[in-house]
């Protein structure tokens, strides 16, 4: 399903206009979602281009948030 990238590839997508994150080895393009993120854009910008699994799980996201994330999946590591 989609792209197969390395951590180095993902790291290049680290700005508000080009924002990828990794959660559980899946890659998500959050570029269009960054302005809609309920916790604010800074939360996503802090983990842009990185593995954000721990940060994502520590917050205790709802099932709805997980569904939203799933819609943003673009590939795997």
PDB file of N, CA and C in Angstrom:
ATOM      1  N   UNK A   1       0.850  -1.184   0.000  1.00  0.00           N
ATOM      2  CA  UNK A   1       0.000   0.000   0.000  1.00  0.00           C
ATOM      3  C   UNK A   1       0.879   1.226   0.000  1.00  0.00           C
ATOM      4  N   UNK A   2       1.059   1.813  -1.090  1.00  0.00           N
ATOM      5  CA  UNK A   2       1.762   3.081  -1.145  1.00  0.00           C
ATOM      6  C   UNK A   2       3.267   2.985  -1.101  1.00  0.00           C
ATOM      7  N   UNK A   3       3.853   3.988  -0.501  1.00  0.00           N
ATOM      8  CA  UNK A   3       5.301   4.157  -0.473  1.00  0.00           C
ATOM      9  C   UNK A   3       5.987   3.214   0.503  1.00  0.00           C
ATOM     10  N   UNK A   4       7.215   2.877   0.179  1.00  0.00           N
ATOM     11  CA  UNK A   4       8.082   2.182   1.128  1.00  0.00           C
ATOM     12  C   UNK A   4       9.321   3.051   1.266  1.00  0.00           C
ATOM     13  N   UNK A   5       9.442   3.701   2.420  1.00  0.00           N
ATOM     14  CA  UNK A   5      10.506   4.673   2.648  1.00  0.00           C
ATOM     15  C   UNK A   5      11.374   4.265   3.828  1.00  0.00           C
ATOM     16  N   UNK A   6      12.519   4.909   3.937  1.00  0.00           N
ATOM     17  CA  UNK A   6      13.402   4.726   5.085  1.00  0.00           C
ATOM     18  C   UNK A   6      13.176   5.883   6.060  1.00  0.00           C
ATOM     19  N   UNK A   7      13.733   5.740   7.268  1.00  0.00           N
ATOM     20  CA  UNK A   7      13.666   6.852   8.223  1.00  0.00           C
ATOM     21  C   UNK A   7      14.315   8.099   7.639  1.00  0.00           C
ATOM     22  N   UNK A   8      15.381   7.916   6.878  1.00  0.00           N
ATOM     23  CA  UNK A   8      16.063   9.053   6.261  1.00  0.00           C
ATOM     24  C   UNK A   8      15.134   9.765   5.273  1.00  0.00           C
ATOM     25  N   UNK A   9      14.378   8.999   4.497  1.00  0.00           N
ATOM     26  CA  UNK A   9      13.413   9.593   3.564  1.00  0.00           C
ATOM     27  C   UNK A   9      12.353  10.390   4.320  1.00  0.00           C
ATOM     28  N   UNK A  10      11.812   9.785   5.358  1.00  0.00           N
ATOM     29  CA  UNK A  10      10.759  10.432   6.143  1.00  0.00           C
ATOM     30  C   UNK A  10      11.281  11.718   6.777  1.00  0.00           C
ATOM     31  N   UNK A  11      12.526  11.708   7.222  1.00  0.00           N
ATOM     32  CA  UNK A  11      13.116  12.867   7.896  1.00  0.00           C
ATOM     33  C   UNK A  11      13.127  14.114   7.018  1.00  0.00           C
ATOM     34  N   UNK A  12      13.084  13.931   5.709  1.00  0.00           N
ATOM     35  CA  UNK A  12      13.081  15.074   4.789  1.00  0.00           C
ATOM     36  C   UNK A  12      11.723  15.777   4.744  1.00  0.00           C
ATOM     37  N   UNK A  13      10.705  15.138   5.267  1.00  0.00           N
ATOM     38  CA  UNK A  13       9.343  15.688   5.260  1.00  0.00           C
ATOM     39  C   UNK A  13       9.046  16.256   6.647  1.00  0.00           C
ATOM     40  N   UNK A  14       9.667  17.383   6.958  1.00  0.00           N
ATOM     41  CA  UNK A  14       9.639  17.881   8.335  1.00  0.00           C
ATOM     42  C   UNK A  14       9.207  19.337   8.465  1.00  0.00           C
ATOM     43  N   UNK A  15       8.393  19.802   7.532  1.00  0.00           N
ATOM     44  CA  UNK A  15       7.904  21.180   7.596  1.00  0.00           C
ATOM     45  C   UNK A  15       6.378  21.196   7.537  1.00  0.00           C
ATOM     46  N   UNK A  16       5.809  22.331   7.858  1.00  0.00           N
ATOM     47  CA  UNK A  16       4.347  22.458   7.843  1.00  0.00           C
ATOM     48  C   UNK A  16       3.775  22.178   6.453  1.00  0.00           C
ATOM     49  N   UNK A  17       4.519  22.495   5.416  1.00  0.00           N
ATOM     50  CA  UNK A  17       4.029  22.299   4.051  1.00  0.00           C
ATOM     51  C   UNK A  17       4.373  20.925   3.487  1.00  0.00           C
ATOM     52  N   UNK A  18       5.066  20.113   4.264  1.00  0.00           N
ATOM     53  CA  UNK A  18       5.470  18.764   3.836  1.00  0.00           C
ATOM     54  C   UNK A  18       5.792  17.971   5.099  1.00  0.00           C
ATOM     55  N   UNK A  19       4.750  17.381   5.719  1.00  0.00           N
ATOM     56  CA  UNK A  19       4.887  16.830   7.062  1.00  0.00           C
ATOM     57  C   UNK A  19       4.496  15.355   7.114  1.00  0.00           C
ATOM     58  N   UNK A  20       5.497  14.508   7.278  1.00  0.00           N
ATOM     59  CA  UNK A  20       5.274  13.074   7.469  1.00  0.00           C
ATOM     60  C   UNK A  20       5.609  12.728   8.914  1.00  0.00           C
ATOM     61  N   UNK A  21       4.871  11.761   9.455  1.00  0.00           N
ATOM     62  CA  UNK A  21       5.224  11.170  10.743  1.00  0.00           C
ATOM     63  C   UNK A  21       5.169   9.654  10.599  1.00  0.00           C
ATOM     64  N   UNK A  22       5.793   8.968  11.540  1.00  0.00           N
ATOM     65  CA  UNK A  22       5.761   7.509  11.587  1.00  0.00           C
ATOM     66  C   UNK A  22       5.117   7.099  12.904  1.00  0.00           C
ATOM     67  N   UNK A  23       4.142   6.196  12.819  1.00  0.00           N
ATOM     68  CA  UNK A  23       3.526   5.605  14.004  1.00  0.00           C
ATOM     69  C   UNK A  23       3.427   4.106  13.751  1.00  0.00           C
ATOM     70  N   UNK A  24       4.044   3.336  14.618  1.00  0.00           N
ATOM     71  CA  UNK A  24       4.057   1.866  14.481  1.00  0.00           C
ATOM     72  C   UNK A  24       4.507   1.430  13.087  1.00  0.00           C
ATOM     73  N   UNK A  25       5.595   2.016  12.614  1.00  0.00           N
ATOM     74  CA  UNK A  25       6.232   1.673  11.333  1.00  0.00           C
ATOM     75  C   UNK A  25       5.373   1.962  10.106  1.00  0.00           C
ATOM     76  N   UNK A  26       4.316   2.727  10.279  1.00  0.00           N
ATOM     77  CA  UNK A  26       3.513   3.185   9.144  1.00  0.00           C
ATOM     78  C   UNK A  26       3.764   4.677   8.975  1.00  0.00           C
ATOM     79  N   UNK A  27       3.759   5.112   7.727  1.00  0.00           N
ATOM     80  CA  UNK A  27       4.064   6.507   7.406  1.00  0.00           C
ATOM     81  C   UNK A  27       2.766   7.244   7.095  1.00  0.00           C
ATOM     82  N   UNK A  28       2.635   8.416   7.691  1.00  0.00           N
ATOM     83  CA  UNK A  28       1.434   9.228   7.516  1.00  0.00           C
ATOM     84  C   UNK A  28       1.811  10.614   7.013  1.00  0.00           C
ATOM     85  N   UNK A  29       1.072  11.078   6.013  1.00  0.00           N
ATOM     86  CA  UNK A  29       1.256  12.431   5.488  1.00  0.00           C
ATOM     87  C   UNK A  29       0.247  13.331   6.191  1.00  0.00           C
ATOM     88  N   UNK A  30       0.719  14.115   7.134  1.00  0.00           N
ATOM     89  CA  UNK A  30      -0.142  14.984   7.936  1.00  0.00           C
ATOM     90  C   UNK A  30      -0.170  16.418   7.423  1.00  0.00           C
ATOM     91  N   UNK A  31       0.354  16.637   6.234  1.00  0.00           N
ATOM     92  CA  UNK A  31       0.454  17.991   5.688  1.00  0.00           C
ATOM     93  C   UNK A  31      -0.892  18.701   5.675  1.00  0.00           C
ATOM     94  N   UNK A  32      -1.918  18.059   5.167  1.00  0.00           N
ATOM     95  CA  UNK A  32      -3.235  18.700   5.059  1.00  0.00           C
ATOM     96  C   UNK A  32      -3.974  18.726   6.392  1.00  0.00           C
ATOM     97  N   UNK A  33      -3.492  17.956   7.366  1.00  0.00           N
ATOM     98  CA  UNK A  33      -4.156  17.859   8.667  1.00  0.00           C
ATOM     99  C   UNK A  33      -3.551  18.788   9.718  1.00  0.00           C
ATOM    100  N   UNK A  34      -2.372  19.304   9.455  1.00  0.00           N
ATOM    101  CA  UNK A  34      -1.641  20.046  10.488  1.00  0.00           C
ATOM    102  C   UNK A  34      -2.454  21.211  11.061  1.00  0.00           C
ATOM    103  N   UNK A  35      -3.202  21.917  10.232  1.00  0.00           N
ATOM    104  CA  UNK A  35      -4.004  23.048  10.723  1.00  0.00           C
ATOM    105  C   UNK A  35      -5.253  22.595  11.478  1.00  0.00           C
ATOM    106  N   UNK A  36      -5.667  21.347  11.280  1.00  0.00           N
ATOM    107  CA  UNK A  36      -6.875  20.824  11.917  1.00  0.00           C
ATOM    108  C   UNK A  36      -6.579  20.067  13.211  1.00  0.00           C
ATOM    109  N   UNK A  37      -5.315  19.785  13.489  1.00  0.00           N
ATOM    110  CA  UNK A  37      -4.966  18.964  14.653  1.00  0.00           C
ATOM    111  C   UNK A  37      -5.496  19.612  15.931  1.00  0.00           C
ATOM    112  N   UNK A  38      -6.327  18.892  16.689  1.00  0.00           N
ATOM    113  CA  UNK A  38      -6.935  19.467  17.895  1.00  0.00           C
ATOM    114  C   UNK A  38      -5.925  19.955  18.934  1.00  0.00           C
ATOM    115  N   UNK A  39      -4.744  19.359  18.960  1.00  0.00           N
ATOM    116  CA  UNK A  39      -3.724  19.775  19.924  1.00  0.00           C
ATOM    117  C   UNK A  39      -2.878  20.936  19.437  1.00  0.00           C
ATOM    118  N   UNK A  40      -3.174  21.420  18.232  1.00  0.00           N
ATOM    119  CA  UNK A  40      -2.419  22.524  17.659  1.00  0.00           C
ATOM    120  C   UNK A  40      -1.320  22.041  16.730  1.00  0.00           C
ATOM    121  N   UNK A  41      -0.910  22.914  15.842  1.00  0.00           N
ATOM    122  CA  UNK A  41       0.093  22.536  14.839  1.00  0.00           C
ATOM    123  C   UNK A  41       1.456  22.247  15.450  1.00  0.00           C
ATOM    124  N   UNK A  42       1.789  22.908  16.552  1.00  0.00           N
ATOM    125  CA  UNK A  42       3.106  22.714  17.166  1.00  0.00           C
ATOM    126  C   UNK A  42       3.346  21.261  17.561  1.00  0.00           C
ATOM    127  N   UNK A  43       2.276  20.589  17.985  1.00  0.00           N
ATOM    128  CA  UNK A  43       2.401  19.186  18.390  1.00  0.00           C
ATOM    129  C   UNK A  43       2.921  18.354  17.225  1.00  0.00           C
ATOM    130  N   UNK A  44       2.354  18.559  16.047  1.00  0.00           N
ATOM    131  CA  UNK A  44       2.800  17.812  14.869  1.00  0.00           C
ATOM    132  C   UNK A  44       4.162  18.292  14.384  1.00  0.00           C
ATOM    133  N   UNK A  45       4.393  19.577  14.421  1.00  0.00           N
ATOM    134  CA  UNK A  45       5.679  20.102  13.963  1.00  0.00           C
ATOM    135  C   UNK A  45       6.833  19.589  14.829  1.00  0.00           C
ATOM    136  N   UNK A  46       6.564  19.352  16.107  1.00  0.00           N
ATOM    137  CA  UNK A  46       7.604  18.835  17.005  1.00  0.00           C
ATOM    138  C   UNK A  46       8.048  17.421  16.637  1.00  0.00           C
ATOM    139  N   UNK A  47       7.180  16.659  15.974  1.00  0.00           N
ATOM    140  CA  UNK A  47       7.519  15.272  15.613  1.00  0.00           C
ATOM    141  C   UNK A  47       7.604  15.073  14.102  1.00  0.00           C
ATOM    142  N   UNK A  48       7.556  16.154  13.359  1.00  0.00           N
ATOM    143  CA  UNK A  48       7.596  16.070  11.893  1.00  0.00           C
ATOM    144  C   UNK A  48       8.862  15.375  11.418  1.00  0.00           C
ATOM    145  N   UNK A  49       8.688  14.425  10.508  1.00  0.00           N
ATOM    146  CA  UNK A  49       9.824  13.707   9.950  1.00  0.00           C
ATOM    147  C   UNK A  49      10.429  12.679  10.887  1.00  0.00           C
ATOM    148  N   UNK A  50       9.710  12.330  11.940  1.00  0.00           N
ATOM    149  CA  UNK A  50      10.247  11.431  12.964  1.00  0.00           C
ATOM    150  C   UNK A  50       9.276  10.299  13.293  1.00  0.00           C
ATOM    151  N   UNK A  51       9.790   9.329  14.051  1.00  0.00           N
ATOM    152  CA  UNK A  51       8.929   8.297  14.617  1.00  0.00           C
ATOM    153  C   UNK A  51       8.225   8.924  15.813  1.00  0.00           C
ATOM    154  N   UNK A  52       6.933   9.046  15.722  1.00  0.00           N
ATOM    155  CA  UNK A  52       6.172   9.686  16.793  1.00  0.00           C
ATOM    156  C   UNK A  52       5.271   8.689  17.519  1.00  0.00           C
ATOM    157  N   UNK A  53       5.609   7.410  17.430  1.00  0.00           N
ATOM    158  CA  UNK A  53       4.799   6.371  18.069  1.00  0.00           C
ATOM    159  C   UNK A  53       4.616   6.640  19.559  1.00  0.00           C
ATOM    160  N   UNK A  54       5.710   6.886  20.258  1.00  0.00           N
ATOM    161  CA  UNK A  54       5.626   7.098  21.707  1.00  0.00           C
ATOM    162  C   UNK A  54       4.784   8.325  22.038  1.00  0.00           C
ATOM    163  N   UNK A  55       5.014   9.413  21.328  1.00  0.00           N
ATOM    164  CA  UNK A  55       4.245  10.636  21.572  1.00  0.00           C
ATOM    165  C   UNK A  55       2.761  10.406  21.290  1.00  0.00           C
ATOM    166  N   UNK A  56       2.458   9.684  20.216  1.00  0.00           N
ATOM    167  CA  UNK A  56       1.067   9.410  19.849  1.00  0.00           C
ATOM    168  C   UNK A  56       0.385   8.566  20.918  1.00  0.00           C
ATOM    169  N   UNK A  57       1.057   7.528  21.371  1.00  0.00           N
ATOM    170  CA  UNK A  57       0.462   6.628  22.361  1.00  0.00           C
ATOM    171  C   UNK A  57       0.392   7.268  23.743  1.00  0.00           C
ATOM    172  N   UNK A  58       1.358   8.084  24.106  1.00  0.00           N
ATOM    173  CA  UNK A  58       1.367   8.724  25.424  1.00  0.00           C
ATOM    174  C   UNK A  58       0.174   9.649  25.628  1.00  0.00           C
ATOM    175  N   UNK A  59      -0.315  10.234  24.557  1.00  0.00           N
ATOM    176  CA  UNK A  59      -1.438  11.162  24.649  1.00  0.00           C
ATOM    177  C   UNK A  59      -2.748  10.421  24.901  1.00  0.00           C
ATOM    178  N   UNK A  60      -2.818   9.178  24.474  1.00  0.00           N
ATOM    179  CA  UNK A  60      -4.054   8.413  24.643  1.00  0.00           C
ATOM    180  C   UNK A  60      -5.117   8.839  23.649  1.00  0.00           C
ATOM    181  N   UNK A  61      -4.781   8.811  22.377  1.00  0.00           N
ATOM    182  CA  UNK A  61      -5.709   9.242  21.331  1.00  0.00           C
ATOM    183  C   UNK A  61      -6.970   8.375  21.290  1.00  0.00           C
ATOM    184  N   UNK A  62      -8.071   8.989  20.915  1.00  0.00           N
ATOM    185  CA  UNK A  62      -9.361   8.306  20.809  1.00  0.00           C
ATOM    186  C   UNK A  62      -9.405   7.411  19.577  1.00  0.00           C
ATOM    187  N   UNK A  63     -10.441   6.579  19.512  1.00  0.00           N
ATOM    188  CA  UNK A  63     -10.648   5.744  18.326  1.00  0.00           C
ATOM    189  C   UNK A  63     -10.844   6.622  17.093  1.00  0.00           C
ATOM    190  N   UNK A  64     -11.531   7.743  17.274  1.00  0.00           N
ATOM    191  CA  UNK A  64     -11.754   8.668  16.158  1.00  0.00           C
ATOM    192  C   UNK A  64     -10.426   9.231  15.645  1.00  0.00           C
ATOM    193  N   UNK A  65      -9.533   9.563  16.557  1.00  0.00           N
ATOM    194  CA  UNK A  65      -8.217  10.076  16.161  1.00  0.00           C
ATOM    195  C   UNK A  65      -7.441   9.009  15.398  1.00  0.00           C
ATOM    196  N   UNK A  66      -7.552   7.770  15.841  1.00  0.00           N
ATOM    197  CA  UNK A  66      -6.865   6.666  15.160  1.00  0.00           C
ATOM    198  C   UNK A  66      -7.434   6.445  13.761  1.00  0.00           C
ATOM    199  N   UNK A  67      -8.739   6.617  13.614  1.00  0.00           N
ATOM    200  CA  UNK A  67      -9.369   6.499  12.293  1.00  0.00           C
ATOM    201  C   UNK A  67      -8.899   7.622  11.373  1.00  0.00           C
ATOM    202  N   UNK A  68      -8.802   8.817  11.917  1.00  0.00           N
ATOM    203  CA  UNK A  68      -8.306   9.949  11.130  1.00  0.00           C
ATOM    204  C   UNK A  68      -6.878   9.685  10.682  1.00  0.00           C
ATOM    205  N   UNK A  69      -6.056   9.200  11.591  1.00  0.00           N
ATOM    206  CA  UNK A  69      -4.670   8.884  11.258  1.00  0.00           C
ATOM    207  C   UNK A  69      -4.609   7.837  10.148  1.00  0.00           C
ATOM    208  N   UNK A  70      -5.428   6.811  10.248  1.00  0.00           N
ATOM    209  CA  UNK A  70      -5.431   5.738   9.246  1.00  0.00           C
ATOM    210  C   UNK A  70      -5.711   6.284   7.847  1.00  0.00           C
ATOM    211  N   UNK A  71      -6.536   7.303   7.756  1.00  0.00           N
ATOM    212  CA  UNK A  71      -6.867   7.907   6.461  1.00  0.00           C
ATOM    213  C   UNK A  71      -5.680   8.659   5.863  1.00  0.00           C
ATOM    214  N   UNK A  72      -4.698   8.983   6.686  1.00  0.00           N
ATOM    215  CA  UNK A  72      -3.531   9.741   6.233  1.00  0.00           C
ATOM    216  C   UNK A  72      -2.350   8.848   5.857  1.00  0.00           C
ATOM    217  N   UNK A  73      -2.522   7.531   5.996  1.00  0.00           N
ATOM    218  CA  UNK A  73      -1.420   6.601   5.718  1.00  0.00           C
ATOM    219  C   UNK A  73      -1.016   6.646   4.249  1.00  0.00           C
ATOM    220  N   UNK A  74       0.300   6.746   4.028  1.00  0.00           N
ATOM    221  CA  UNK A  74       0.828   6.779   2.654  1.00  0.00           C
ATOM    222  C   UNK A  74       1.850   5.687   2.391  1.00  0.00           C
ATOM    223  N   UNK A  75       2.251   4.948   3.431  1.00  0.00           N
ATOM    224  CA  UNK A  75       3.237   3.904   3.205  1.00  0.00           C
ATOM    225  C   UNK A  75       3.755   3.293   4.486  1.00  0.00           C
ATOM    226  N   UNK A  76       4.842   2.529   4.326  1.00  0.00           N
ATOM    227  CA  UNK A  76       5.466   1.829   5.448  1.00  0.00           C
ATOM    228  C   UNK A  76       6.975   1.999   5.392  1.00  0.00           C
ATOM    229  N   UNK A  77       7.606   1.748   6.525  1.00  0.00           N
ATOM    230  CA  UNK A  77       9.071   1.778   6.568  1.00  0.00           C
ATOM    231  C   UNK A  77       9.616   0.490   5.998  1.00  0.00           C
TER     232      UNK A  77
END
